[in-house]
Amino acid sequence: TTTLSGPDDVGVRVAVHRSVDPGQPNGVVLSATTSVWLPIPPEIVFGF
C-alpha cells in the first residue's frame, strides 16, 4: 500500500504480515520500502 508520495512518485510502500517463522520475531511485522534514483554511479553509492 502506498502511504506517502515522493518527488519521483514511487512513494513509500507498506506491507504487514504476521510472523511465526522460527527465524523471525513472533508478532506483527511491518515492511516498508521505496525506490529512488540517484545521479551517482552504483560503485560510489555501494561504497558509501
ModelCIF file with pLDDT and N, C-alpha, C, O atoms, coordinates in Angstrom:
data_MODEL
#
_entry.id   MODEL 
#
_entity.id                         1 
_entity.type                       polymer 
_entity.pdbx_number_of_molecules   1 
#
_entity_poly.entity_id                      1 
_entity_poly.type                           'polypeptide(L)' 
_entity_poly.nstd_linkage                   no 
_entity_poly.nstd_monomer                   no 
_entity_poly.pdbx_seq_one_letter_code       TTTLSGPDDVGVRVAVHRSVDPGQPNGVVLSATTSVWLPIPPEIVFGF 
_entity_poly.pdbx_seq_one_letter_code_can   TTTLSGPDDVGVRVAVHRSVDPGQPNGVVLSATTSVWLPIPPEIVFGF 
_entity_poly.pdbx_strand_id                 A 
#
loop_
_entity_poly_seq.entity_id 
_entity_poly_seq.num 
_entity_poly_seq.mon_id 
_entity_poly_seq.hetero 
1 1  THR n 
1 2  THR n 
1 3  THR n 
1 4  LEU n 
1 5  SER n 
1 6  GLY n 
1 7  PRO n 
1 8  ASP n 
1 9  ASP n 
1 10 VAL n 
1 11 GLY n 
1 12 VAL n 
1 13 ARG n 
1 14 VAL n 
1 15 ALA n 
1 16 VAL n 
1 17 HIS n 
1 18 ARG n 
1 19 SER n 
1 20 VAL n 
1 21 ASP n 
1 22 PRO n 
1 23 GLY n 
1 24 GLN n 
1 25 PRO n 
1 26 ASN n 
1 27 GLY n 
1 28 VAL n 
1 29 VAL n 
1 30 LEU n 
1 31 SER n 
1 32 ALA n 
1 33 THR n 
1 34 THR n 
1 35 SER n 
1 36 VAL n 
1 37 TRP n 
1 38 LEU n 
1 39 PRO n 
1 40 ILE n 
1 41 PRO n 
1 42 PRO n 
1 43 GLU n 
1 44 ILE n 
1 45 VAL n 
1 46 PHE n 
1 47 GLY n 
1 48 PHE n 
#
_struct_asym.id          A 
_struct_asym.entity_id   1 
#
loop_
_ma_qa_metric.id 
_ma_qa_metric.mode 
_ma_qa_metric.name 
_ma_qa_metric.software_group_id 
_ma_qa_metric.type 
1 global pLDDT . pLDDT 
2 local  pLDDT . pLDDT 
#
_ma_qa_metric_global.metric_id      1 
_ma_qa_metric_global.metric_value   79.54 
_ma_qa_metric_global.model_id       1 
_ma_qa_metric_global.ordinal_id     1 
#
loop_
_ma_qa_metric_local.label_asym_id 
_ma_qa_metric_local.label_comp_id 
_ma_qa_metric_local.label_seq_id 
_ma_qa_metric_local.metric_id 
_ma_qa_metric_local.metric_value 
_ma_qa_metric_local.model_id 
_ma_qa_metric_local.ordinal_id 
A THR 1  2 74.00 1 1  
A THR 2  2 67.00 1 2  
A THR 3  2 65.00 1 3  
A LEU 4  2 55.00 1 4  
A SER 5  2 53.00 1 5  
A GLY 6  2 49.00 1 6  
A PRO 7  2 46.00 1 7  
A ASP 8  2 52.00 1 8  
A ASP 9  2 54.00 1 9  
A VAL 10 2 72.00 1 10 
A GLY 11 2 81.00 1 11 
A VAL 12 2 85.00 1 12 
A ARG 13 2 85.00 1 13 
A VAL 14 2 85.00 1 14 
A ALA 15 2 83.00 1 15 
A VAL 16 2 81.00 1 16 
A HIS 17 2 77.00 1 17 
A ARG 18 2 76.00 1 18 
A SER 19 2 73.00 1 19 
A VAL 20 2 70.00 1 20 
A ASP 21 2 72.00 1 21 
A PRO 22 2 71.00 1 22 
A GLY 23 2 72.00 1 23 
A GLN 24 2 75.00 1 24 
A PRO 25 2 78.00 1 25 
A ASN 26 2 76.00 1 26 
A GLY 27 2 79.00 1 27 
A VAL 28 2 81.00 1 28 
A VAL 29 2 83.00 1 29 
A LEU 30 2 85.00 1 30 
A SER 31 2 86.00 1 31 
A ALA 32 2 88.00 1 32 
A THR 33 2 90.00 1 33 
A THR 34 2 91.00 1 34 
A SER 35 2 91.00 1 35 
A VAL 36 2 91.00 1 36 
A TRP 37 2 91.00 1 37 
A LEU 38 2 92.00 1 38 
A PRO 39 2 92.00 1 39 
A ILE 40 2 92.00 1 40 
A PRO 41 2 93.00 1 41 
A PRO 42 2 94.00 1 42 
A GLU 43 2 94.00 1 43 
A ILE 44 2 95.00 1 44 
A VAL 45 2 96.00 1 45 
A PHE 46 2 96.00 1 46 
A GLY 47 2 95.00 1 47 
A PHE 48 2 96.00 1 48 
#
loop_
_atom_site.group_PDB 
_atom_site.id 
_atom_site.type_symbol 
_atom_site.label_atom_id 
_atom_site.label_alt_id 
_atom_site.label_comp_id 
_atom_site.label_asym_id 
_atom_site.label_entity_id 
_atom_site.label_seq_id 
_atom_site.pdbx_PDB_ins_code 
_atom_site.Cartn_x 
_atom_site.Cartn_y 
_atom_site.Cartn_z 
_atom_site.occupancy 
_atom_site.B_iso_or_equiv 
_atom_site.pdbx_formal_charge 
_atom_site.auth_seq_id 
_atom_site.auth_comp_id 
_atom_site.auth_asym_id 
_atom_site.auth_atom_id 
_atom_site.pdbx_PDB_model_num 
ATOM 1   N N  . THR A 1 1  ? 0.857  -1.182  0.000   1.00 74.00 ? 1  THR A N  1 
ATOM 2   C CA . THR A 1 1  ? 0.000  0.000   0.000   1.00 74.00 ? 1  THR A CA 1 
ATOM 3   C C  . THR A 1 1  ? 0.890  1.227   0.000   1.00 74.00 ? 1  THR A C  1 
ATOM 4   O O  . THR A 1 1  ? 1.784  1.352   0.837   1.00 74.00 ? 1  THR A O  1 
ATOM 5   N N  . THR A 1 2  ? 0.647  2.137   -0.939  1.00 67.00 ? 2  THR A N  1 
ATOM 6   C CA . THR A 1 2  ? 1.428  3.364   -0.999  1.00 67.00 ? 2  THR A CA 1 
ATOM 7   C C  . THR A 1 2  ? 0.887  4.344   0.035   1.00 67.00 ? 2  THR A C  1 
ATOM 8   O O  . THR A 1 2  ? -0.282 4.727   -0.013  1.00 67.00 ? 2  THR A O  1 
ATOM 9   N N  . THR A 1 3  ? 1.738  4.742   0.963   1.00 65.00 ? 3  THR A N  1 
ATOM 10  C CA . THR A 1 3  ? 1.280  5.622   2.045   1.00 65.00 ? 3  THR A CA 1 
ATOM 11  C C  . THR A 1 3  ? 1.791  7.041   1.926   1.00 65.00 ? 3  THR A C  1 
ATOM 12  O O  . THR A 1 3  ? 1.259  7.955   2.555   1.00 65.00 ? 3  THR A O  1 
ATOM 13  N N  . LEU A 1 4  ? 2.828  7.227   1.114   1.00 55.00 ? 4  LEU A N  1 
ATOM 14  C CA . LEU A 1 4  ? 3.405  8.574   1.025   1.00 55.00 ? 4  LEU A CA 1 
ATOM 15  C C  . LEU A 1 4  ? 4.031  8.741   -0.340  1.00 55.00 ? 4  LEU A C  1 
ATOM 16  O O  . LEU A 1 4  ? 4.890  7.950   -0.730  1.00 55.00 ? 4  LEU A O  1 
ATOM 17  N N  . SER A 1 5  ? 3.609  9.768   -1.081  1.00 53.00 ? 5  SER A N  1 
ATOM 18  C CA . SER A 1 5  ? 4.173  10.010  -2.403  1.00 53.00 ? 5  SER A CA 1 
ATOM 19  C C  . SER A 1 5  ? 5.407  10.878  -2.292  1.00 53.00 ? 5  SER A C  1 
ATOM 20  O O  . SER A 1 5  ? 5.420  11.894  -1.596  1.00 53.00 ? 5  SER A O  1 
ATOM 21  N N  . GLY A 1 6  ? 6.448  10.451  -2.998  1.00 49.00 ? 6  GLY A N  1 
ATOM 22  C CA . GLY A 1 6  ? 7.687  11.216  -3.018  1.00 49.00 ? 6  GLY A CA 1 
ATOM 23  C C  . GLY A 1 6  ? 7.812  12.013  -4.293  1.00 49.00 ? 6  GLY A C  1 
ATOM 24  O O  . GLY A 1 6  ? 6.910  11.977  -5.131  1.00 49.00 ? 6  GLY A O  1 
ATOM 25  N N  . PRO A 1 7  ? 8.911  12.735  -4.465  1.00 46.00 ? 7  PRO A N  1 
ATOM 26  C CA . PRO A 1 7  ? 9.091  13.549  -5.668  1.00 46.00 ? 7  PRO A CA 1 
ATOM 27  C C  . PRO A 1 7  ? 9.201  12.724  -6.935  1.00 46.00 ? 7  PRO A C  1 
ATOM 28  O O  . PRO A 1 7  ? 8.915  13.224  -8.023  1.00 46.00 ? 7  PRO A O  1 
ATOM 29  N N  . ASP A 1 8  ? 9.614  11.455  -6.813  1.00 52.00 ? 8  ASP A N  1 
ATOM 30  C CA . ASP A 1 8  ? 9.704  10.618  -8.007  1.00 52.00 ? 8  ASP A CA 1 
ATOM 31  C C  . ASP A 1 8  ? 8.460  9.750   -8.168  1.00 52.00 ? 8  ASP A C  1 
ATOM 32  O O  . ASP A 1 8  ? 8.432  8.878   -9.036  1.00 52.00 ? 8  ASP A O  1 
ATOM 33  N N  . ASP A 1 9  ? 7.427  9.970   -7.349  1.00 54.00 ? 9  ASP A N  1 
ATOM 34  C CA . ASP A 1 9  ? 6.136  9.297   -7.436  1.00 54.00 ? 9  ASP A CA 1 
ATOM 35  C C  . ASP A 1 9  ? 6.189  7.810   -7.121  1.00 54.00 ? 9  ASP A C  1 
ATOM 36  O O  . ASP A 1 9  ? 5.221  7.096   -7.384  1.00 54.00 ? 9  ASP A O  1 
ATOM 37  N N  . VAL A 1 10 ? 7.283  7.330   -6.569  1.00 72.00 ? 10 VAL A N  1 
ATOM 38  C CA . VAL A 1 10 ? 7.304  5.940   -6.129  1.00 72.00 ? 10 VAL A CA 1 
ATOM 39  C C  . VAL A 1 10 ? 6.571  5.815   -4.808  1.00 72.00 ? 10 VAL A C  1 
ATOM 40  O O  . VAL A 1 10 ? 5.750  4.917   -4.626  1.00 72.00 ? 10 VAL A O  1 
ATOM 41  N N  . GLY A 1 11 ? 6.865  6.704   -3.902  1.00 81.00 ? 11 GLY A N  1 
ATOM 42  C CA . GLY A 1 11 ? 6.216  6.677   -2.606  1.00 81.00 ? 11 GLY A CA 1 
ATOM 43  C C  . GLY A 1 11 ? 6.758  5.584   -1.719  1.00 81.00 ? 11 GLY A C  1 
ATOM 44  O O  . GLY A 1 11 ? 7.559  4.755   -2.151  1.00 81.00 ? 11 GLY A O  1 
ATOM 45  N N  . VAL A 1 12 ? 6.322  5.585   -0.486  1.00 85.00 ? 12 VAL A N  1 
ATOM 46  C CA . VAL A 1 12 ? 6.695  4.545   0.470   1.00 85.00 ? 12 VAL A CA 1 
ATOM 47  C C  . VAL A 1 12 ? 5.636  3.458   0.422   1.00 85.00 ? 12 VAL A C  1 
ATOM 48  O O  . VAL A 1 12 ? 4.452  3.729   0.624   1.00 85.00 ? 12 VAL A O  1 
ATOM 49  N N  . ARG A 1 13 ? 6.056  2.233   0.156   1.00 85.00 ? 13 ARG A N  1 
ATOM 50  C CA . ARG A 1 13 ? 5.143  1.095   0.105   1.00 85.00 ? 13 ARG A CA 1 
ATOM 51  C C  . ARG A 1 13 ? 5.206  0.349   1.429   1.00 85.00 ? 13 ARG A C  1 
ATOM 52  O O  . ARG A 1 13 ? 6.289  0.094   1.954   1.00 85.00 ? 13 ARG A O  1 
ATOM 53  N N  . VAL A 1 14 ? 4.054  0.004   1.961   1.00 85.00 ? 14 VAL A N  1 
ATOM 54  C CA . VAL A 1 14 ? 3.970  -0.640  3.271   1.00 85.00 ? 14 VAL A CA 1 
ATOM 55  C C  . VAL A 1 14 ? 3.200  -1.948  3.128   1.00 85.00 ? 14 VAL A C  1 
ATOM 56  O O  . VAL A 1 14 ? 2.177  -2.006  2.445   1.00 85.00 ? 14 VAL A O  1 
ATOM 57  N N  . ALA A 1 15 ? 3.702  -2.998  3.780   1.00 83.00 ? 15 ALA A N  1 
ATOM 58  C CA . ALA A 1 15 ? 3.007  -4.283  3.845   1.00 83.00 ? 15 ALA A CA 1 
ATOM 59  C C  . ALA A 1 15 ? 3.132  -4.826  5.261   1.00 83.00 ? 15 ALA A C  1 
ATOM 60  O O  . ALA A 1 15 ? 4.126  -4.573  5.942   1.00 83.00 ? 15 ALA A O  1 
ATOM 61  N N  . VAL A 1 16 ? 2.132  -5.568  5.702   1.00 81.00 ? 16 VAL A N  1 
ATOM 62  C CA . VAL A 1 16 ? 2.106  -6.117  7.055   1.00 81.00 ? 16 VAL A CA 1 
ATOM 63  C C  . VAL A 1 16 ? 1.884  -7.623  6.962   1.00 81.00 ? 16 VAL A C  1 
ATOM 64  O O  . VAL A 1 16 ? 1.059  -8.085  6.174   1.00 81.00 ? 16 VAL A O  1 
ATOM 65  N N  . HIS A 1 17 ? 2.616  -8.380  7.762   1.00 77.00 ? 17 HIS A N  1 
ATOM 66  C CA . HIS A 1 17 ? 2.364  -9.819  7.865   1.00 77.00 ? 17 HIS A CA 1 
ATOM 67  C C  . HIS A 1 17 ? 2.608  -10.284 9.286   1.00 77.00 ? 17 HIS A C  1 
ATOM 68  O O  . HIS A 1 17 ? 3.367  -9.672  10.037  1.00 77.00 ? 17 HIS A O  1 
ATOM 69  N N  . ARG A 1 18 ? 1.958  -11.369 9.639   1.00 76.00 ? 18 ARG A N  1 
ATOM 70  C CA . ARG A 1 18 ? 2.122  -11.964 10.965  1.00 76.00 ? 18 ARG A CA 1 
ATOM 71  C C  . ARG A 1 18 ? 3.191  -13.047 10.872  1.00 76.00 ? 18 ARG A C  1 
ATOM 72  O O  . ARG A 1 18 ? 3.048  -14.020 10.131  1.00 76.00 ? 18 ARG A O  1 
ATOM 73  N N  . SER A 1 19 ? 4.243  -12.865 11.622  1.00 73.00 ? 19 SER A N  1 
ATOM 74  C CA . SER A 1 19 ? 5.392  -13.760 11.538  1.00 73.00 ? 19 SER A CA 1 
ATOM 75  C C  . SER A 1 19 ? 5.305  -14.847 12.596  1.00 73.00 ? 19 SER A C  1 
ATOM 76  O O  . SER A 1 19 ? 5.118  -14.572 13.781  1.00 73.00 ? 19 SER A O  1 
ATOM 77  N N  . VAL A 1 20 ? 5.448  -16.102 12.136  1.00 70.00 ? 20 VAL A N  1 
ATOM 78  C CA . VAL A 1 20 ? 5.509  -17.246 13.057  1.00 70.00 ? 20 VAL A CA 1 
ATOM 79  C C  . VAL A 1 20 ? 6.723  -18.108 12.760  1.00 70.00 ? 20 VAL A C  1 
ATOM 80  O O  . VAL A 1 20 ? 6.913  -19.144 13.396  1.00 70.00 ? 20 VAL A O  1 
ATOM 81  N N  . ASP A 1 21 ? 7.558  -17.694 11.793  1.00 72.00 ? 21 ASP A N  1 
ATOM 82  C CA . ASP A 1 21 ? 8.739  -18.473 11.438  1.00 72.00 ? 21 ASP A CA 1 
ATOM 83  C C  . ASP A 1 21 ? 9.749  -18.454 12.572  1.00 72.00 ? 21 ASP A C  1 
ATOM 84  O O  . ASP A 1 21 ? 9.865  -17.455 13.281  1.00 72.00 ? 21 ASP A O  1 
ATOM 85  N N  . PRO A 1 22 ? 10.493 -19.563 12.755  1.00 71.00 ? 22 PRO A N  1 
ATOM 86  C CA . PRO A 1 22 ? 11.487 -19.579 13.844  1.00 71.00 ? 22 PRO A CA 1 
ATOM 87  C C  . PRO A 1 22 ? 12.624 -18.591 13.627  1.00 71.00 ? 22 PRO A C  1 
ATOM 88  O O  . PRO A 1 22 ? 13.287 -18.198 14.587  1.00 71.00 ? 22 PRO A O  1 
ATOM 89  N N  . GLY A 1 23 ? 12.862 -18.184 12.387  1.00 72.00 ? 23 GLY A N  1 
ATOM 90  C CA . GLY A 1 23 ? 13.950 -17.256 12.117  1.00 72.00 ? 23 GLY A CA 1 
ATOM 91  C C  . GLY A 1 23 ? 13.554 -15.797 12.147  1.00 72.00 ? 23 GLY A C  1 
ATOM 92  O O  . GLY A 1 23 ? 14.360 -14.934 11.800  1.00 72.00 ? 23 GLY A O  1 
ATOM 93  N N  . GLN A 1 24 ? 12.305 -15.496 12.562  1.00 75.00 ? 24 GLN A N  1 
ATOM 94  C CA . GLN A 1 24 ? 11.839 -14.114 12.667  1.00 75.00 ? 24 GLN A CA 1 
ATOM 95  C C  . GLN A 1 24 ? 11.161 -13.912 14.021  1.00 75.00 ? 24 GLN A C  1 
ATOM 96  O O  . GLN A 1 24 ? 10.643 -14.865 14.604  1.00 75.00 ? 24 GLN A O  1 
ATOM 97  N N  . PRO A 1 25 ? 11.163 -12.680 14.520  1.00 78.00 ? 25 PRO A N  1 
ATOM 98  C CA . PRO A 1 25 ? 10.449 -12.422 15.781  1.00 78.00 ? 25 PRO A CA 1 
ATOM 99  C C  . PRO A 1 25 ? 8.965  -12.703 15.616  1.00 78.00 ? 25 PRO A C  1 
ATOM 100 O O  . PRO A 1 25 ? 8.379  -12.347 14.594  1.00 78.00 ? 25 PRO A O  1 
ATOM 101 N N  . ASN A 1 26 ? 8.350  -13.336 16.606  1.00 76.00 ? 26 ASN A N  1 
ATOM 102 C CA . ASN A 1 26 ? 6.919  -13.613 16.561  1.00 76.00 ? 26 ASN A CA 1 
ATOM 103 C C  . ASN A 1 26 ? 6.128  -12.322 16.757  1.00 76.00 ? 26 ASN A C  1 
ATOM 104 O O  . ASN A 1 26 ? 6.465  -11.493 17.603  1.00 76.00 ? 26 ASN A O  1 
ATOM 105 N N  . GLY A 1 27 ? 5.079  -12.169 15.966  1.00 79.00 ? 27 GLY A N  1 
ATOM 106 C CA . GLY A 1 27 ? 4.232  -10.995 16.106  1.00 79.00 ? 27 GLY A CA 1 
ATOM 107 C C  . GLY A 1 27 ? 3.929  -10.371 14.764  1.00 79.00 ? 27 GLY A C  1 
ATOM 108 O O  . GLY A 1 27 ? 4.081  -11.013 13.724  1.00 79.00 ? 27 GLY A O  1 
ATOM 109 N N  . VAL A 1 28 ? 3.505  -9.135  14.783  1.00 81.00 ? 28 VAL A N  1 
ATOM 110 C CA . VAL A 1 28 ? 3.148  -8.387  13.580  1.00 81.00 ? 28 VAL A CA 1 
ATOM 111 C C  . VAL A 1 28 ? 4.370  -7.612  13.094  1.00 81.00 ? 28 VAL A C  1 
ATOM 112 O O  . VAL A 1 28 ? 4.925  -6.792  13.825  1.00 81.00 ? 28 VAL A O  1 
ATOM 113 N N  . VAL A 1 29 ? 4.787  -7.881  11.845  1.00 83.00 ? 29 VAL A N  1 
ATOM 114 C CA . VAL A 1 29 ? 5.962  -7.244  11.261  1.00 83.00 ? 29 VAL A CA 1 
ATOM 115 C C  . VAL A 1 29 ? 5.515  -6.292  10.157  1.00 83.00 ? 29 VAL A C  1 
ATOM 116 O O  . VAL A 1 29 ? 4.723  -6.654  9.287   1.00 83.00 ? 29 VAL A O  1 
ATOM 117 N N  . LEU A 1 30 ? 6.031  -5.086  10.207  1.00 85.00 ? 30 LEU A N  1 
ATOM 118 C CA . LEU A 1 30 ? 5.736  -4.067  9.203   1.00 85.00 ? 30 LEU A CA 1 
ATOM 119 C C  . LEU A 1 30 ? 6.940  -3.933  8.275   1.00 85.00 ? 30 LEU A C  1 
ATOM 120 O O  . LEU A 1 30 ? 8.047  -3.631  8.722   1.00 85.00 ? 30 LEU A O  1 
ATOM 121 N N  . SER A 1 31 ? 6.715  -4.160  6.971   1.00 86.00 ? 31 SER A N  1 
ATOM 122 C CA . SER A 1 31 ? 7.751  -3.964  5.960   1.00 86.00 ? 31 SER A CA 1 
ATOM 123 C C  . SER A 1 31 ? 7.452  -2.684  5.192   1.00 86.00 ? 31 SER A C  1 
ATOM 124 O O  . SER A 1 31 ? 6.320  -2.460  4.764   1.00 86.00 ? 31 SER A O  1 
ATOM 125 N N  . ALA A 1 32 ? 8.453  -1.860  5.021   1.00 88.00 ? 32 ALA A N  1 
ATOM 126 C CA . ALA A 1 32 ? 8.285  -0.601  4.302   1.00 88.00 ? 32 ALA A CA 1 
ATOM 127 C C  . ALA A 1 32 ? 9.464  -0.416  3.367   1.00 88.00 ? 32 ALA A C  1 
ATOM 128 O O  . ALA A 1 32 ? 10.605 -0.695  3.737   1.00 88.00 ? 32 ALA A O  1 
ATOM 129 N N  . THR A 1 33 ? 9.196  0.053   2.161   1.00 90.00 ? 33 THR A N  1 
ATOM 130 C CA . THR A 1 33 ? 10.263 0.187   1.176   1.00 90.00 ? 33 THR A CA 1 
ATOM 131 C C  . THR A 1 33 ? 9.926  1.285   0.179   1.00 90.00 ? 33 THR A C  1 
ATOM 132 O O  . THR A 1 33 ? 8.760  1.623   -0.028  1.00 90.00 ? 33 THR A O  1 
ATOM 133 N N  . THR A 1 34 ? 10.964 1.830   -0.429  1.00 91.00 ? 34 THR A N  1 
ATOM 134 C CA . THR A 1 34 ? 10.802 2.793   -1.514  1.00 91.00 ? 34 THR A CA 1 
ATOM 135 C C  . THR A 1 34 ? 12.015 2.692   -2.417  1.00 91.00 ? 34 THR A C  1 
ATOM 136 O O  . THR A 1 34 ? 13.068 2.209   -2.002  1.00 91.00 ? 34 THR A O  1 
ATOM 137 N N  . SER A 1 35 ? 11.868 3.146   -3.649  1.00 91.00 ? 35 SER A N  1 
ATOM 138 C CA . SER A 1 35 ? 12.966 3.156   -4.610  1.00 91.00 ? 35 SER A CA 1 
ATOM 139 C C  . SER A 1 35 ? 13.201 4.585   -5.084  1.00 91.00 ? 35 SER A C  1 
ATOM 140 O O  . SER A 1 35 ? 12.255 5.329   -5.344  1.00 91.00 ? 35 SER A O  1 
ATOM 141 N N  . VAL A 1 36 ? 14.476 4.957   -5.193  1.00 91.00 ? 36 VAL A N  1 
ATOM 142 C CA . VAL A 1 36 ? 14.832 6.310   -5.635  1.00 91.00 ? 36 VAL A CA 1 
ATOM 143 C C  . VAL A 1 36 ? 15.944 6.220   -6.672  1.00 91.00 ? 36 VAL A C  1 
ATOM 144 O O  . VAL A 1 36 ? 16.682 5.237   -6.737  1.00 91.00 ? 36 VAL A O  1 
ATOM 145 N N  . TRP A 1 37 ? 16.042 7.259   -7.471  1.00 91.00 ? 37 TRP A N  1 
ATOM 146 C CA . TRP A 1 37 ? 17.124 7.372   -8.438  1.00 91.00 ? 37 TRP A CA 1 
ATOM 147 C C  . TRP A 1 37 ? 18.129 8.404   -7.940  1.00 91.00 ? 37 TRP A C  1 
ATOM 148 O O  . TRP A 1 37 ? 17.756 9.496   -7.512  1.00 91.00 ? 37 TRP A O  1 
ATOM 149 N N  . LEU A 1 38 ? 19.410 8.041   -8.001  1.00 92.00 ? 38 LEU A N  1 
ATOM 150 C CA . LEU A 1 38 ? 20.481 8.945   -7.607  1.00 92.00 ? 38 LEU A CA 1 
ATOM 151 C C  . LEU A 1 38 ? 21.428 9.143   -8.782  1.00 92.00 ? 38 LEU A C  1 
ATOM 152 O O  . LEU A 1 38 ? 21.801 8.168   -9.434  1.00 92.00 ? 38 LEU A O  1 
ATOM 153 N N  . PRO A 1 39 ? 21.832 10.392  -9.072  1.00 92.00 ? 39 PRO A N  1 
ATOM 154 C CA . PRO A 1 39 ? 22.750 10.646  -10.204 1.00 92.00 ? 39 PRO A CA 1 
ATOM 155 C C  . PRO A 1 39 ? 24.198 10.329  -9.838  1.00 92.00 ? 39 PRO A C  1 
ATOM 156 O O  . PRO A 1 39 ? 25.103 11.110  -10.133 1.00 92.00 ? 39 PRO A O  1 
ATOM 157 N N  . ILE A 1 40 ? 24.410 9.198   -9.205  1.00 92.00 ? 40 ILE A N  1 
ATOM 158 C CA . ILE A 1 40 ? 25.722 8.782   -8.713  1.00 92.00 ? 40 ILE A CA 1 
ATOM 159 C C  . ILE A 1 40 ? 25.965 7.357   -9.203  1.00 92.00 ? 40 ILE A C  1 
ATOM 160 O O  . ILE A 1 40 ? 25.037 6.550   -9.156  1.00 92.00 ? 40 ILE A O  1 
ATOM 161 N N  . PRO A 1 41 ? 27.166 7.005   -9.672  1.00 93.00 ? 41 PRO A N  1 
ATOM 162 C CA . PRO A 1 41 ? 27.446 5.629   -10.097 1.00 93.00 ? 41 PRO A CA 1 
ATOM 163 C C  . PRO A 1 41 ? 27.210 4.632   -8.965  1.00 93.00 ? 41 PRO A C  1 
ATOM 164 O O  . PRO A 1 41 ? 27.424 4.962   -7.798  1.00 93.00 ? 41 PRO A O  1 
ATOM 165 N N  . PRO A 1 42 ? 26.772 3.415   -9.295  1.00 94.00 ? 42 PRO A N  1 
ATOM 166 C CA . PRO A 1 42 ? 26.460 2.424   -8.247  1.00 94.00 ? 42 PRO A CA 1 
ATOM 167 C C  . PRO A 1 42 ? 27.643 2.105   -7.346  1.00 94.00 ? 42 PRO A C  1 
ATOM 168 O O  . PRO A 1 42 ? 27.451 1.849   -6.158  1.00 94.00 ? 42 PRO A O  1 
ATOM 169 N N  . GLU A 1 43 ? 28.875 2.112   -7.886  1.00 94.00 ? 43 GLU A N  1 
ATOM 170 C CA . GLU A 1 43 ? 30.046 1.772   -7.070  1.00 94.00 ? 43 GLU A CA 1 
ATOM 171 C C  . GLU A 1 43 ? 30.231 2.757   -5.923  1.00 94.00 ? 43 GLU A C  1 
ATOM 172 O O  . GLU A 1 43 ? 30.591 2.370   -4.811  1.00 94.00 ? 43 GLU A O  1 
ATOM 173 N N  . ILE A 1 44 ? 29.980 4.040   -6.206  1.00 95.00 ? 44 ILE A N  1 
ATOM 174 C CA . ILE A 1 44 ? 30.141 5.059   -5.164  1.00 95.00 ? 44 ILE A CA 1 
ATOM 175 C C  . ILE A 1 44 ? 29.051 4.921   -4.105  1.00 95.00 ? 44 ILE A C  1 
ATOM 176 O O  . ILE A 1 44 ? 29.324 5.035   -2.910  1.00 95.00 ? 44 ILE A O  1 
ATOM 177 N N  . VAL A 1 45 ? 27.803 4.673   -4.548  1.00 96.00 ? 45 VAL A N  1 
ATOM 178 C CA . VAL A 1 45 ? 26.696 4.510   -3.599  1.00 96.00 ? 45 VAL A CA 1 
ATOM 179 C C  . VAL A 1 45 ? 26.944 3.300   -2.709  1.00 96.00 ? 45 VAL A C  1 
ATOM 180 O O  . VAL A 1 45 ? 26.748 3.368   -1.495  1.00 96.00 ? 45 VAL A O  1 
ATOM 181 N N  . PHE A 1 46 ? 27.376 2.188   -3.310  1.00 96.00 ? 46 PHE A N  1 
ATOM 182 C CA . PHE A 1 46 ? 27.642 0.976   -2.524  1.00 96.00 ? 46 PHE A CA 1 
ATOM 183 C C  . PHE A 1 46 ? 28.770 1.214   -1.514  1.00 96.00 ? 46 PHE A C  1 
ATOM 184 O O  . PHE A 1 46 ? 28.655 0.814   -0.356  1.00 96.00 ? 46 PHE A O  1 
ATOM 185 N N  . GLY A 1 47 ? 29.853 1.861   -1.944  1.00 95.00 ? 47 GLY A N  1 
ATOM 186 C CA . GLY A 1 47 ? 30.959 2.133   -1.035  1.00 95.00 ? 47 GLY A CA 1 
ATOM 187 C C  . GLY A 1 47 ? 30.539 3.013   0.135   1.00 95.00 ? 47 GLY A C  1 
ATOM 188 O O  . GLY A 1 47 ? 30.994 2.814   1.261   1.00 95.00 ? 47 GLY A O  1 
ATOM 189 N N  . PHE A 1 48 ? 29.675 3.983   -0.130  1.00 96.00 ? 48 PHE A N  1 
ATOM 190 C CA . PHE A 1 48 ? 29.213 4.880   0.928   1.00 96.00 ? 48 PHE A CA 1 
ATOM 191 C C  . PHE A 1 48 ? 28.348 4.141   1.941   1.00 96.00 ? 48 PHE A C  1 
ATOM 192 O O  . PHE A 1 48 ? 27.871 4.743   2.903   1.00 96.00 ? 48 PHE A O  1 
#
